Amino acid sequence: MLNAVFERFLTESPISVMSRGLMEGVLAPEALDRIFEANAQVQYTRELLFSDLVNLMSLVVCGIYPSVNAAYRARAQQLNVSRTAVYDKLNGVEQRVCAALVKETAAAMASLIEFIGGSSPKLLAPYKVRIIDGNCLAGTDHRLEVLRPIGAEALPGKLLVILDPLIKISNRCVSLC
């Protein structure tokens, strides 16, 4: 029965099936933990794995839960650690780990985009072109009216985005770290 369902999805929406397969491979717990172990200098793994943290954050980023706290409450028994441990690990994720996560997952996903013919013509033929944009985000109490009932305020941080114009992707950007 499952083969028939899978075949139908493959016939009707092959990009969805390929995207899901790619995401499952790129964001597999073993791959995420390998990235963490190879790049973490200060943080360590005791009970809460980096892959658990990414999984928890993905639930928030994808809008399944409105906050880390809500996602934690839903997954508390599976995680088997305290809320404080989750927030401590989240607050301590090193920039080096985030950079490696973005670099390695982007490389794998770019290969799929190229495979399905999603690249654009080169802007300056022999050169690799990248578009860089950034911003410093200050913590603030001045918030949009729709966000005022939510208890958390915007967190300060720095954002640097590097766009490869050869790869056609959605105009939406999601920050993982």
Protein backbone atom coordinates (compact mmCIF):
# COMPACT_ATOMS: atom_id res chain seq x y z
CA MET A 1 0.00 0.00 0.00
CA LEU A 2 2.75 2.47 0.90
CA ASN A 3 4.49 1.88 -2.43
CA ALA A 4 1.31 2.90 -4.27
CA VAL A 5 1.04 6.08 -2.17
CA PHE A 6 4.70 6.88 -2.71
CA GLU A 7 4.41 6.27 -6.46
CA ARG A 8 1.45 8.65 -6.64
CA PHE A 9 3.38 11.39 -4.87
CA LEU A 10 6.38 10.73 -7.09
CA THR A 11 4.24 11.04 -10.21
CA GLU A 12 2.19 14.03 -9.08
CA SER A 13 4.84 16.03 -7.22
CA PRO A 14 8.40 14.77 -7.81
CA ILE A 15 10.02 17.99 -6.52
CA SER A 16 8.25 17.55 -3.16
CA VAL A 17 9.50 13.98 -2.86
CA MET A 18 13.06 14.95 -3.82
CA SER A 19 13.02 17.93 -1.46
CA ARG A 20 11.85 15.82 1.45
CA GLY A 21 14.45 13.16 0.71
CA LEU A 22 17.17 15.79 0.52
CA MET A 23 16.06 17.46 3.75
CA GLU A 24 15.96 14.11 5.56
CA GLY A 25 19.47 13.34 4.36
CA VAL A 26 21.00 16.77 4.94
CA LEU A 27 19.34 17.27 8.32
CA ALA A 28 19.75 13.68 9.50
CA PRO A 29 20.64 13.55 13.21
CA GLU A 30 23.94 11.78 12.52
CA ALA A 31 25.01 14.48 10.01
CA LEU A 32 24.06 17.30 12.38
CA ASP A 33 25.89 15.73 15.32
CA ARG A 34 28.94 15.15 13.11
CA ILE A 35 28.97 18.86 12.16
CA PHE A 36 28.74 19.78 15.84
CA GLU A 37 31.53 17.43 16.94
CA ALA A 38 33.83 18.60 14.15
CA ASN A 39 33.35 22.32 14.83
CA ALA A 40 32.48 22.86 18.50
CA GLN A 41 35.39 24.17 20.55
CA VAL A 42 33.76 25.08 23.87
CA GLN A 43 30.44 23.25 23.91
CA TYR A 44 30.15 19.55 24.50
CA THR A 45 27.51 16.86 24.30
CA ARG A 46 26.31 15.17 27.44
CA GLU A 47 22.61 14.35 27.23
CA LEU A 48 21.22 16.93 24.79
CA LEU A 49 22.47 16.35 21.26
CA PHE A 50 22.93 19.16 18.76
CA SER A 51 20.55 17.33 16.41
CA ASP A 52 17.86 17.46 19.12
CA LEU A 53 18.36 21.20 19.38
CA VAL A 54 18.13 21.68 15.59
CA ASN A 55 15.01 19.52 15.50
CA LEU A 56 13.44 21.61 18.27
CA MET A 57 14.32 24.86 16.49
CA SER A 58 12.99 23.58 13.17
CA LEU A 59 9.59 23.07 14.81
CA VAL A 60 9.61 26.76 15.76
CA VAL A 61 11.03 28.04 12.46
CA CYS A 62 8.46 26.08 10.45
CA GLY A 63 5.64 27.48 12.57
CA ILE A 64 4.54 24.21 14.13
CA TYR A 65 5.06 25.75 17.59
CA PRO A 66 5.09 29.48 18.35
CA SER A 67 8.15 29.40 20.64
CA VAL A 68 11.04 27.29 21.84
CA ASN A 69 9.23 26.90 25.15
CA ALA A 70 6.11 25.51 23.45
CA ALA A 71 8.20 23.12 21.36
CA TYR A 72 10.10 22.03 24.48
CA ARG A 73 6.85 21.34 26.39
CA ALA A 74 5.61 19.16 23.51
CA ARG A 75 8.90 17.21 23.33
CA ALA A 76 10.01 17.29 26.99
CA GLN A 77 9.70 13.53 27.55
CA GLN A 78 11.65 12.70 24.38
CA LEU A 79 14.40 15.19 25.18
CA ASN A 80 14.69 14.05 28.81
CA VAL A 81 16.52 17.23 29.87
CA SER A 82 15.44 20.37 31.69
CA ARG A 83 14.18 23.52 29.99
CA THR A 84 17.24 25.31 31.41
CA ALA A 85 19.55 22.80 29.70
CA VAL A 86 17.82 23.44 26.36
CA TYR A 87 18.12 27.22 26.68
CA ASP A 88 21.74 27.00 27.91
CA LYS A 89 22.70 24.84 24.94
CA LEU A 90 20.78 27.09 22.55
CA ASN A 91 22.38 30.25 23.93
CA GLY A 92 25.83 28.70 23.77
CA VAL A 93 25.86 27.45 20.18
CA GLU A 94 29.13 28.68 18.76
CA GLN A 95 29.29 30.79 15.60
CA ARG A 96 31.69 28.27 14.14
CA VAL A 97 29.07 25.51 14.49
CA CYS A 98 26.38 27.68 12.90
CA ALA A 99 28.67 28.61 10.01
CA ALA A 100 29.55 24.95 9.39
CA LEU A 101 25.87 23.96 9.54
CA VAL A 102 24.91 26.56 6.94
CA LYS A 103 27.92 25.80 4.72
CA GLU A 104 27.47 22.04 4.65
CA THR A 105 23.69 22.03 4.25
CA ALA A 106 23.81 24.75 1.59
CA ALA A 107 26.34 22.79 -0.44
CA ALA A 108 24.15 19.68 -0.41
CA MET A 109 21.01 21.60 -1.28
CA ALA A 110 22.76 23.56 -4.03
CA SER A 111 23.63 20.27 -5.72
CA LEU A 112 19.92 19.41 -5.92
CA ILE A 113 19.09 22.84 -7.33
CA GLU A 114 21.75 22.40 -10.01
CA PHE A 115 20.58 18.85 -10.75
CA ILE A 116 17.00 19.95 -11.44
CA GLY A 117 18.18 22.83 -13.63
CA GLY A 118 17.47 25.66 -11.24
CA SER A 119 20.58 27.70 -11.93
CA SER A 120 20.66 31.10 -13.67
CA PRO A 121 23.07 32.27 -16.38
CA LYS A 122 26.41 33.58 -15.09
CA LEU A 123 26.58 37.33 -14.43
CA LEU A 124 30.31 37.81 -15.09
CA ALA A 125 31.38 34.78 -17.12
CA PRO A 126 34.75 33.68 -15.70
CA TYR A 127 34.16 34.98 -12.14
CA LYS A 128 32.20 33.60 -9.20
CA VAL A 129 29.77 36.31 -8.10
CA ARG A 130 28.32 36.54 -4.59
CA ILE A 131 25.99 39.22 -3.24
CA ILE A 132 26.56 40.09 0.41
CA ASP A 133 24.13 41.89 2.71
CA GLY A 134 24.11 42.31 6.46
CA ASN A 135 22.54 44.04 9.41
CA CYS A 136 23.02 44.54 13.14
CA LEU A 137 19.81 43.84 15.01
CA ALA A 138 19.45 45.59 18.36
CA GLY A 139 17.24 44.23 21.11
CA THR A 140 14.22 46.49 21.38
CA ASP A 141 10.95 47.03 23.18
CA HIS A 142 9.60 48.98 20.18
CA ARG A 143 7.68 46.19 18.53
CA LEU A 144 4.97 45.72 15.99
CA GLU A 145 1.53 45.93 17.53
CA VAL A 146 0.70 42.33 16.61
CA LEU A 147 3.81 41.13 18.51
CA ARG A 148 3.24 43.13 21.71
CA PRO A 149 1.14 40.44 23.44
CA ILE A 150 4.01 37.95 23.04
CA GLY A 151 6.26 37.94 26.11
CA ALA A 152 9.67 37.77 24.44
CA GLU A 153 11.34 40.82 22.98
CA ALA A 154 13.42 40.83 19.82
CA LEU A 155 16.92 39.56 20.53
CA PRO A 156 20.03 41.44 19.44
CA GLY A 157 22.26 39.85 16.86
CA LYS A 158 24.15 40.18 13.61
CA LEU A 159 23.00 38.91 10.28
CA LEU A 160 25.15 38.31 7.23
CA VAL A 161 23.58 36.83 4.12
CA ILE A 162 25.56 35.65 1.12
CA LEU A 163 23.56 35.01 -2.04
CA ASP A 164 24.77 32.97 -4.97
CA PRO A 165 22.85 34.49 -7.90
CA LEU A 166 23.37 31.35 -10.01
CA ILE A 167 21.06 29.34 -7.78
CA LYS A 168 17.38 30.22 -8.11
CA ILE A 169 15.74 29.83 -4.72
CA SER A 170 12.78 31.29 -2.93
CA ASN A 171 13.03 34.90 -1.80
CA ARG A 172 12.37 33.83 1.79
CA CYS A 173 15.27 33.45 4.21
CA VAL A 174 15.14 31.48 7.43
CA SER A 175 17.73 31.88 10.16
CA LEU A 176 18.72 28.71 12.00
CA CYS A 177 21.34 30.17 14.29
